[in-house]
Amino acid sequence: DRERFRVMIGSIAPDGALQEAMRGLGTLTFSLGAS
């Protein structure tokens, strides 16, 4: 629900396919860089 929430979606693992997909959707993303 974009009127009430924003989402940030990320992983413990290093930057990869998840982050690329989230950036493509204009969604905040992160990586904690733990391999």
PDB file of all heavy atoms in Angstrom:
ATOM      1  N   ASP A   1       0.856  -1.184   0.000  1.00  0.00           N
ATOM      2  CA  ASP A   1       0.000   0.000   0.000  1.00  0.00           C
ATOM      3  C   ASP A   1       0.896   1.240   0.000  1.00  0.00           C
ATOM      4  O   ASP A   1       1.423   1.648   1.032  1.00  0.00           O
ATOM      5  CB  ASP A   1      -0.890  -0.019   1.251  1.00  0.00           C
ATOM      6  CG  ASP A   1      -1.871   1.140   1.285  1.00  0.00           C
ATOM      7  OD1 ASP A   1      -1.676   2.121   0.544  1.00  0.00           O
ATOM      8  OD2 ASP A   1      -2.835   1.056   2.077  1.00  0.00           O
ATOM      9  N   ARG A   2       1.058   1.842  -1.175  1.00  0.00           N
ATOM     10  CA  ARG A   2       2.018   2.939  -1.326  1.00  0.00           C
ATOM     11  C   ARG A   2       1.604   4.210  -0.596  1.00  0.00           C
ATOM     12  O   ARG A   2       2.453   5.071  -0.337  1.00  0.00           O
ATOM     13  CB  ARG A   2       2.235   3.231  -2.813  1.00  0.00           C
ATOM     14  CG  ARG A   2       2.882   2.071  -3.547  1.00  0.00           C
ATOM     15  CD  ARG A   2       2.968   2.284  -5.050  1.00  0.00           C
ATOM     16  NE  ARG A   2       3.463   1.082  -5.712  1.00  0.00           N
ATOM     17  CZ  ARG A   2       4.733   0.769  -5.875  1.00  0.00           C
ATOM     18  NH1 ARG A   2       5.665   1.618  -5.434  1.00  0.00           N
ATOM     19  NH2 ARG A   2       5.091  -0.336  -6.478  1.00  0.00           N
ATOM     20  N   GLU A   3       0.351   4.352  -0.281  1.00  0.00           N
ATOM     21  CA  GLU A   3      -0.089   5.542   0.456  1.00  0.00           C
ATOM     22  C   GLU A   3       0.327   5.475   1.919  1.00  0.00           C
ATOM     23  O   GLU A   3       0.527   6.512   2.554  1.00  0.00           O
ATOM     24  CB  GLU A   3      -1.608   5.696   0.355  1.00  0.00           C
ATOM     25  CG  GLU A   3      -2.087   6.050  -1.052  1.00  0.00           C
ATOM     26  CD  GLU A   3      -3.574   6.354  -1.072  1.00  0.00           C
ATOM     27  OE1 GLU A   3      -4.208   6.303   0.023  1.00  0.00           O
ATOM     28  OE2 GLU A   3      -4.092   6.625  -2.159  1.00  0.00           O
ATOM     29  N   ARG A   4       0.472   4.289   2.448  1.00  0.00           N
ATOM     30  CA  ARG A   4       0.770   4.141   3.876  1.00  0.00           C
ATOM     31  C   ARG A   4       2.152   3.578   4.156  1.00  0.00           C
ATOM     32  O   ARG A   4       2.659   3.719   5.268  1.00  0.00           O
ATOM     33  CB  ARG A   4      -0.286   3.253   4.535  1.00  0.00           C
ATOM     34  CG  ARG A   4      -1.697   3.826   4.424  1.00  0.00           C
ATOM     35  CD  ARG A   4      -2.663   3.152   5.361  1.00  0.00           C
ATOM     36  NE  ARG A   4      -2.716   1.707   5.150  1.00  0.00           N
ATOM     37  CZ  ARG A   4      -2.470   0.801   6.076  1.00  0.00           C
ATOM     38  NH1 ARG A   4      -2.128   1.174   7.300  1.00  0.00           N
ATOM     39  NH2 ARG A   4      -2.561  -0.483   5.815  1.00  0.00           N
ATOM     40  N   PHE A   5       2.780   2.913   3.154  1.00  0.00           N
ATOM     41  CA  PHE A   5       4.048   2.257   3.402  1.00  0.00           C
ATOM     42  C   PHE A   5       5.032   2.483   2.253  1.00  0.00           C
ATOM     43  O   PHE A   5       4.634   2.640   1.097  1.00  0.00           O
ATOM     44  CB  PHE A   5       3.848   0.740   3.569  1.00  0.00           C
ATOM     45  CG  PHE A   5       2.979   0.349   4.718  1.00  0.00           C
ATOM     46  CD1 PHE A   5       1.626   0.090   4.516  1.00  0.00           C
ATOM     47  CD2 PHE A   5       3.498   0.258   6.002  1.00  0.00           C
ATOM     48  CE1 PHE A   5       0.813  -0.262   5.573  1.00  0.00           C
ATOM     49  CE2 PHE A   5       2.686  -0.103   7.065  1.00  0.00           C
ATOM     50  CZ  PHE A   5       1.340  -0.357   6.856  1.00  0.00           C
ATOM     51  N   ARG A   6       6.309   2.495   2.620  1.00  0.00           N
ATOM     52  CA  ARG A   6       7.394   2.334   1.654  1.00  0.00           C
ATOM     53  C   ARG A   6       8.110   1.045   2.014  1.00  0.00           C
ATOM     54  O   ARG A   6       8.083   0.621   3.160  1.00  0.00           O
ATOM     55  CB  ARG A   6       8.390   3.503   1.723  1.00  0.00           C
ATOM     56  CG  ARG A   6       7.828   4.846   1.284  1.00  0.00           C
ATOM     57  CD  ARG A   6       8.923   5.904   1.326  1.00  0.00           C
ATOM     58  NE  ARG A   6       9.448   6.068   2.676  1.00  0.00           N
ATOM     59  CZ  ARG A   6      10.732   6.285   2.981  1.00  0.00           C
ATOM     60  NH1 ARG A   6      11.650   6.306   2.010  1.00  0.00           N
ATOM     61  NH2 ARG A   6      11.111   6.445   4.228  1.00  0.00           N
ATOM     62  N   VAL A   7       8.731   0.413   1.043  1.00  0.00           N
ATOM     63  CA  VAL A   7       9.463  -0.814   1.360  1.00  0.00           C
ATOM     64  C   VAL A   7      10.912  -0.698   0.912  1.00  0.00           C
ATOM     65  O   VAL A   7      11.235  -0.022  -0.070  1.00  0.00           O
ATOM     66  CB  VAL A   7       8.821  -2.068   0.722  1.00  0.00           C
ATOM     67  CG1 VAL A   7       7.426  -2.293   1.261  1.00  0.00           C
ATOM     68  CG2 VAL A   7       8.815  -1.988  -0.784  1.00  0.00           C
ATOM     69  N   MET A   8      11.763  -1.346   1.668  1.00  0.00           N
ATOM     70  CA  MET A   8      13.170  -1.517   1.335  1.00  0.00           C
ATOM     71  C   MET A   8      13.423  -3.023   1.403  1.00  0.00           C
ATOM     72  O   MET A   8      13.053  -3.671   2.371  1.00  0.00           O
ATOM     73  CB  MET A   8      14.061  -0.783   2.346  1.00  0.00           C
ATOM     74  CG  MET A   8      15.555  -0.962   2.080  1.00  0.00           C
ATOM     75  SD  MET A   8      16.643  -0.340   3.405  1.00  0.00           S
ATOM     76  CE  MET A   8      15.792   1.106   3.969  1.00  0.00           C
ATOM     77  N   ILE A   9      14.006  -3.588   0.357  1.00  0.00           N
ATOM     78  CA  ILE A   9      14.177  -5.038   0.269  1.00  0.00           C
ATOM     79  C   ILE A   9      15.636  -5.348  -0.034  1.00  0.00           C
ATOM     80  O   ILE A   9      16.187  -4.840  -1.027  1.00  0.00           O
ATOM     81  CB  ILE A   9      13.272  -5.647  -0.815  1.00  0.00           C
ATOM     82  CG1 ILE A   9      11.798  -5.329  -0.514  1.00  0.00           C
ATOM     83  CG2 ILE A   9      13.482  -7.156  -0.922  1.00  0.00           C
ATOM     84  CD1 ILE A   9      10.830  -5.760  -1.592  1.00  0.00           C
ATOM     85  N   GLY A  10      16.263  -6.151   0.811  1.00  0.00           N
ATOM     86  CA  GLY A  10      17.675  -6.449   0.597  1.00  0.00           C
ATOM     87  C   GLY A  10      18.074  -7.781   1.186  1.00  0.00           C
ATOM     88  O   GLY A  10      17.240  -8.565   1.655  1.00  0.00           O
ATOM     89  N   SER A  11      19.373  -8.034   1.182  1.00  0.00           N
ATOM     90  CA  SER A  11      19.886  -9.352   1.569  1.00  0.00           C
ATOM     91  C   SER A  11      21.083  -9.258   2.499  1.00  0.00           C
ATOM     92  O   SER A  11      21.784  -8.238   2.551  1.00  0.00           O
ATOM     93  CB  SER A  11      20.289 -10.133   0.318  1.00  0.00           C
ATOM     94  OG  SER A  11      21.387  -9.508  -0.325  1.00  0.00           O
ATOM     95  N   ILE A  12      21.335 -10.342   3.209  1.00  0.00           N
ATOM     96  CA  ILE A  12      22.583 -10.478   3.954  1.00  0.00           C
ATOM     97  C   ILE A  12      23.737 -10.630   2.965  1.00  0.00           C
ATOM     98  O   ILE A  12      24.816 -10.094   3.160  1.00  0.00           O
ATOM     99  CB  ILE A  12      22.526 -11.697   4.885  1.00  0.00           C
ATOM    100  CG1 ILE A  12      21.458 -11.505   5.965  1.00  0.00           C
ATOM    101  CG2 ILE A  12      23.883 -11.944   5.539  1.00  0.00           C
ATOM    102  CD1 ILE A  12      21.270 -12.724   6.856  1.00  0.00           C
ATOM    103  N   ALA A  13      23.498 -11.365   1.890  1.00  0.00           N
ATOM    104  CA  ALA A  13      24.533 -11.662   0.896  1.00  0.00           C
ATOM    105  C   ALA A  13      24.964 -10.410   0.133  1.00  0.00           C
ATOM    106  O   ALA A  13      24.261  -9.403   0.125  1.00  0.00           O
ATOM    107  CB  ALA A  13      24.019 -12.711  -0.091  1.00  0.00           C
ATOM    108  N   PRO A  14      26.109 -10.478  -0.531  1.00  0.00           N
ATOM    109  CA  PRO A  14      26.575  -9.338  -1.324  1.00  0.00           C
ATOM    110  C   PRO A  14      25.597  -8.976  -2.435  1.00  0.00           C
ATOM    111  O   PRO A  14      24.732  -9.763  -2.816  1.00  0.00           O
ATOM    112  CB  PRO A  14      27.904  -9.838  -1.908  1.00  0.00           C
ATOM    113  CG  PRO A  14      28.365 -10.886  -0.947  1.00  0.00           C
ATOM    114  CD  PRO A  14      27.121 -11.547  -0.460  1.00  0.00           C
ATOM    115  N   ASP A  15      25.757  -7.787  -2.937  1.00  0.00           N
ATOM    116  CA  ASP A  15      24.917  -7.245  -3.995  1.00  0.00           C
ATOM    117  C   ASP A  15      24.823  -8.227  -5.160  1.00  0.00           C
ATOM    118  O   ASP A  15      25.811  -8.826  -5.579  1.00  0.00           O
ATOM    119  CB  ASP A  15      25.498  -5.917  -4.476  1.00  0.00           C
ATOM    120  CG  ASP A  15      24.518  -5.119  -5.308  1.00  0.00           C
ATOM    121  OD1 ASP A  15      24.311  -5.478  -6.471  1.00  0.00           O
ATOM    122  OD2 ASP A  15      23.965  -4.140  -4.793  1.00  0.00           O
ATOM    123  N   GLY A  16      23.584  -8.393  -5.690  1.00  0.00           N
ATOM    124  CA  GLY A  16      23.406  -9.338  -6.788  1.00  0.00           C
ATOM    125  C   GLY A  16      22.084  -9.141  -7.490  1.00  0.00           C
ATOM    126  O   GLY A  16      21.590  -8.015  -7.622  1.00  0.00           O
ATOM    127  N   ALA A  17      21.480 -10.252  -7.907  1.00  0.00           N
ATOM    128  CA  ALA A  17      20.281 -10.198  -8.735  1.00  0.00           C
ATOM    129  C   ALA A  17      19.096  -9.549  -8.027  1.00  0.00           C
ATOM    130  O   ALA A  17      18.306  -8.839  -8.644  1.00  0.00           O
ATOM    131  CB  ALA A  17      19.906 -11.608  -9.179  1.00  0.00           C
ATOM    132  N   LEU A  18      18.953  -9.785  -6.711  1.00  0.00           N
ATOM    133  CA  LEU A  18      17.853  -9.180  -5.965  1.00  0.00           C
ATOM    134  C   LEU A  18      17.951  -7.659  -6.001  1.00  0.00           C
ATOM    135  O   LEU A  18      16.971  -6.960  -6.286  1.00  0.00           O
ATOM    136  CB  LEU A  18      17.861  -9.681  -4.521  1.00  0.00           C
ATOM    137  CG  LEU A  18      16.858  -9.005  -3.569  1.00  0.00           C
ATOM    138  CD1 LEU A  18      15.425  -9.287  -3.998  1.00  0.00           C
ATOM    139  CD2 LEU A  18      17.074  -9.473  -2.131  1.00  0.00           C
ATOM    140  N   GLN A  19      19.130  -7.157  -5.697  1.00  0.00           N
ATOM    141  CA  GLN A  19      19.308  -5.700  -5.680  1.00  0.00           C
ATOM    142  C   GLN A  19      19.082  -5.095  -7.065  1.00  0.00           C
ATOM    143  O   GLN A  19      18.469  -4.029  -7.196  1.00  0.00           O
ATOM    144  CB  GLN A  19      20.710  -5.356  -5.164  1.00  0.00           C
ATOM    145  CG  GLN A  19      20.901  -5.561  -3.668  1.00  0.00           C
ATOM    146  CD  GLN A  19      21.054  -7.026  -3.277  1.00  0.00           C
ATOM    147  OE1 GLN A  19      21.297  -7.889  -4.117  1.00  0.00           O
ATOM    148  NE2 GLN A  19      20.927  -7.323  -1.985  1.00  0.00           N
ATOM    149  N   GLU A  20      19.567  -5.770  -8.084  1.00  0.00           N
ATOM    150  CA  GLU A  20      19.368  -5.269  -9.449  1.00  0.00           C
ATOM    151  C   GLU A  20      17.882  -5.203  -9.786  1.00  0.00           C
ATOM    152  O   GLU A  20      17.408  -4.222 -10.371  1.00  0.00           O
ATOM    153  CB  GLU A  20      20.082  -6.183 -10.440  1.00  0.00           C
ATOM    154  CG  GLU A  20      19.979  -5.730 -11.885  1.00  0.00           C
ATOM    155  CD  GLU A  20      20.730  -6.639 -12.841  1.00  0.00           C
ATOM    156  OE1 GLU A  20      21.453  -7.537 -12.369  1.00  0.00           O
ATOM    157  OE2 GLU A  20      20.583  -6.449 -14.063  1.00  0.00           O
ATOM    158  N   ALA A  21      17.126  -6.227  -9.398  1.00  0.00           N
ATOM    159  CA  ALA A  21      15.687  -6.237  -9.660  1.00  0.00           C
ATOM    160  C   ALA A  21      14.977  -5.127  -8.903  1.00  0.00           C
ATOM    161  O   ALA A  21      14.084  -4.455  -9.450  1.00  0.00           O
ATOM    162  CB  ALA A  21      15.105  -7.596  -9.279  1.00  0.00           C
ATOM    163  N   MET A  22      15.355  -4.907  -7.646  1.00  0.00           N
ATOM    164  CA  MET A  22      14.715  -3.863  -6.858  1.00  0.00           C
ATOM    165  C   MET A  22      15.013  -2.468  -7.439  1.00  0.00           C
ATOM    166  O   MET A  22      14.120  -1.622  -7.514  1.00  0.00           O
ATOM    167  CB  MET A  22      15.181  -3.930  -5.404  1.00  0.00           C
ATOM    168  CG  MET A  22      14.703  -5.160  -4.658  1.00  0.00           C
ATOM    169  SD  MET A  22      12.903  -5.364  -4.648  1.00  0.00           S
ATOM    170  CE  MET A  22      12.696  -6.726  -5.820  1.00  0.00           C
ATOM    171  N   ARG A  23      16.245  -2.262  -7.857  1.00  0.00           N
ATOM    172  CA  ARG A  23      16.573  -0.971  -8.479  1.00  0.00           C
ATOM    173  C   ARG A  23      15.758  -0.753  -9.744  1.00  0.00           C
ATOM    174  O   ARG A  23      15.317   0.364 -10.026  1.00  0.00           O
ATOM    175  CB  ARG A  23      18.074  -0.893  -8.761  1.00  0.00           C
ATOM    176  CG  ARG A  23      18.929  -0.684  -7.495  1.00  0.00           C
ATOM    177  CD  ARG A  23      20.377  -0.384  -7.824  1.00  0.00           C
ATOM    178  NE  ARG A  23      21.106  -1.581  -8.222  1.00  0.00           N
ATOM    179  CZ  ARG A  23      21.835  -2.335  -7.397  1.00  0.00           C
ATOM    180  NH1 ARG A  23      21.926  -2.017  -6.114  1.00  0.00           N
ATOM    181  NH2 ARG A  23      22.475  -3.399  -7.836  1.00  0.00           N
ATOM    182  N   GLY A  24      15.537  -1.837 -10.502  1.00  0.00           N
ATOM    183  CA  GLY A  24      14.727  -1.730 -11.705  1.00  0.00           C
ATOM    184  C   GLY A  24      13.284  -1.380 -11.406  1.00  0.00           C
ATOM    185  O   GLY A  24      12.596  -0.791 -12.252  1.00  0.00           O
ATOM    186  N   LEU A  25      12.804  -1.738 -10.214  1.00  0.00           N
ATOM    187  CA  LEU A  25      11.434  -1.419  -9.819  1.00  0.00           C
ATOM    188  C   LEU A  25      11.338  -0.095  -9.059  1.00  0.00           C
ATOM    189  O   LEU A  25      10.253   0.284  -8.621  1.00  0.00           O
ATOM    190  CB  LEU A  25      10.881  -2.538  -8.930  1.00  0.00           C
ATOM    191  CG  LEU A  25      10.659  -3.895  -9.624  1.00  0.00           C
ATOM    192  CD1 LEU A  25      10.326  -4.964  -8.586  1.00  0.00           C
ATOM    193  CD2 LEU A  25       9.547  -3.788 -10.648  1.00  0.00           C
ATOM    194  N   GLY A  26      12.467   0.592  -8.904  1.00  0.00           N
ATOM    195  CA  GLY A  26      12.469   1.848  -8.156  1.00  0.00           C
ATOM    196  C   GLY A  26      12.268   1.653  -6.668  1.00  0.00           C
ATOM    197  O   GLY A  26      11.762   2.549  -5.973  1.00  0.00           O
ATOM    198  N   THR A  27      12.684   0.501  -6.151  1.00  0.00           N
ATOM    199  CA  THR A  27      12.510   0.157  -4.736  1.00  0.00           C
ATOM    200  C   THR A  27      13.841   0.277  -4.002  1.00  0.00           C
ATOM    201  O   THR A  27      14.871  -0.175  -4.514  1.00  0.00           O
ATOM    202  CB  THR A  27      11.974  -1.284  -4.608  1.00  0.00           C
ATOM    203  OG1 THR A  27      10.691  -1.349  -5.235  1.00  0.00           O
ATOM    204  CG2 THR A  27      11.853  -1.709  -3.164  1.00  0.00           C
ATOM    205  N   LEU A  28      13.805   0.854  -2.818  1.00  0.00           N
ATOM    206  CA  LEU A  28      15.013   0.931  -2.007  1.00  0.00           C
ATOM    207  C   LEU A  28      15.564  -0.468  -1.769  1.00  0.00           C
ATOM    208  O   LEU A  28      14.809  -1.415  -1.514  1.00  0.00           O
ATOM    209  CB  LEU A  28      14.710   1.583  -0.657  1.00  0.00           C
ATOM    210  CG  LEU A  28      14.451   3.091  -0.628  1.00  0.00           C
ATOM    211  CD1 LEU A  28      13.971   3.513   0.761  1.00  0.00           C
ATOM    212  CD2 LEU A  28      15.701   3.849  -1.014  1.00  0.00           C
ATOM    213  N   THR A  29      16.864  -0.615  -1.835  1.00  0.00           N
ATOM    214  CA  THR A  29      17.464  -1.920  -1.618  1.00  0.00           C
ATOM    215  C   THR A  29      18.782  -1.775  -0.875  1.00  0.00           C
ATOM    216  O   THR A  29      19.305  -0.658  -0.737  1.00  0.00           O
ATOM    217  CB  THR A  29      17.670  -2.659  -2.964  1.00  0.00           C
ATOM    218  OG1 THR A  29      18.080  -4.008  -2.704  1.00  0.00           O
ATOM    219  CG2 THR A  29      18.703  -1.972  -3.835  1.00  0.00           C
ATOM    220  N   PHE A  30      19.299  -2.905  -0.383  1.00  0.00           N
ATOM    221  CA  PHE A  30      20.551  -2.875   0.366  1.00  0.00           C
ATOM    222  C   PHE A  30      21.192  -4.250   0.315  1.00  0.00           C
ATOM    223  O   PHE A  30      20.554  -5.257  -0.010  1.00  0.00           O
ATOM    224  CB  PHE A  30      20.311  -2.472   1.833  1.00  0.00           C
ATOM    225  CG  PHE A  30      19.500  -3.469   2.611  1.00  0.00           C
ATOM    226  CD1 PHE A  30      20.124  -4.476   3.349  1.00  0.00           C
ATOM    227  CD2 PHE A  30      18.109  -3.409   2.613  1.00  0.00           C
ATOM    228  CE1 PHE A  30      19.387  -5.397   4.062  1.00  0.00           C
ATOM    229  CE2 PHE A  30      17.364  -4.343   3.327  1.00  0.00           C
ATOM    230  CZ  PHE A  30      18.000  -5.327   4.053  1.00  0.00           C
ATOM    231  N   SER A  31      22.445  -4.305   0.660  1.00  0.00           N
ATOM    232  CA  SER A  31      23.183  -5.550   0.831  1.00  0.00           C
ATOM    233  C   SER A  31      24.086  -5.392   2.038  1.00  0.00           C
ATOM    234  O   SER A  31      24.753  -4.361   2.188  1.00  0.00           O
ATOM    235  CB  SER A  31      24.018  -5.859  -0.417  1.00  0.00           C
ATOM    236  OG  SER A  31      25.019  -6.802  -0.113  1.00  0.00           O
ATOM    237  N   LEU A  32      24.103  -6.416   2.890  1.00  0.00           N
ATOM    238  CA  LEU A  32      24.991  -6.383   4.059  1.00  0.00           C
ATOM    239  C   LEU A  32      26.367  -6.946   3.734  1.00  0.00           C
ATOM    240  O   LEU A  32      27.267  -6.919   4.570  1.00  0.00           O
ATOM    241  CB  LEU A  32      24.363  -7.149   5.219  1.00  0.00           C
ATOM    242  CG  LEU A  32      22.999  -6.624   5.692  1.00  0.00           C
ATOM    243  CD1 LEU A  32      22.490  -7.447   6.865  1.00  0.00           C
ATOM    244  CD2 LEU A  32      23.061  -5.144   6.045  1.00  0.00           C
ATOM    245  N   GLY A  33      26.534  -7.468   2.527  1.00  0.00           N
ATOM    246  CA  GLY A  33      27.851  -7.852   2.034  1.00  0.00           C
ATOM    247  C   GLY A  33      28.481  -9.074   2.668  1.00  0.00           C
ATOM    248  O   GLY A  33      29.690  -9.270   2.552  1.00  0.00           O
ATOM    249  N   ALA A  34      27.673  -9.942   3.317  1.00  0.00           N
ATOM    250  CA  ALA A  34      28.242 -11.110   3.993  1.00  0.00           C
ATOM    251  C   ALA A  34      28.174 -12.323   3.069  1.00  0.00           C
ATOM    252  O   ALA A  34      27.098 -12.860   2.807  1.00  0.00           O
ATOM    253  CB  ALA A  34      27.483 -11.397   5.283  1.00  0.00           C
ATOM    254  N   SER A  35      29.335 -12.771   2.601  1.00  0.00           N
ATOM    255  CA  SER A  35      29.392 -13.933   1.712  1.00  0.00           C
ATOM    256  C   SER A  35      29.512 -15.245   2.480  1.00  0.00           C
ATOM    257  O   SER A  35      29.422 -16.315   1.893  1.00  0.00           O
ATOM    258  CB  SER A  35      30.580 -13.792   0.759  1.00  0.00           C
ATOM    259  OG  SER A  35      31.784 -13.629   1.487  1.00  0.00           O
TER     260      SER A  35
END
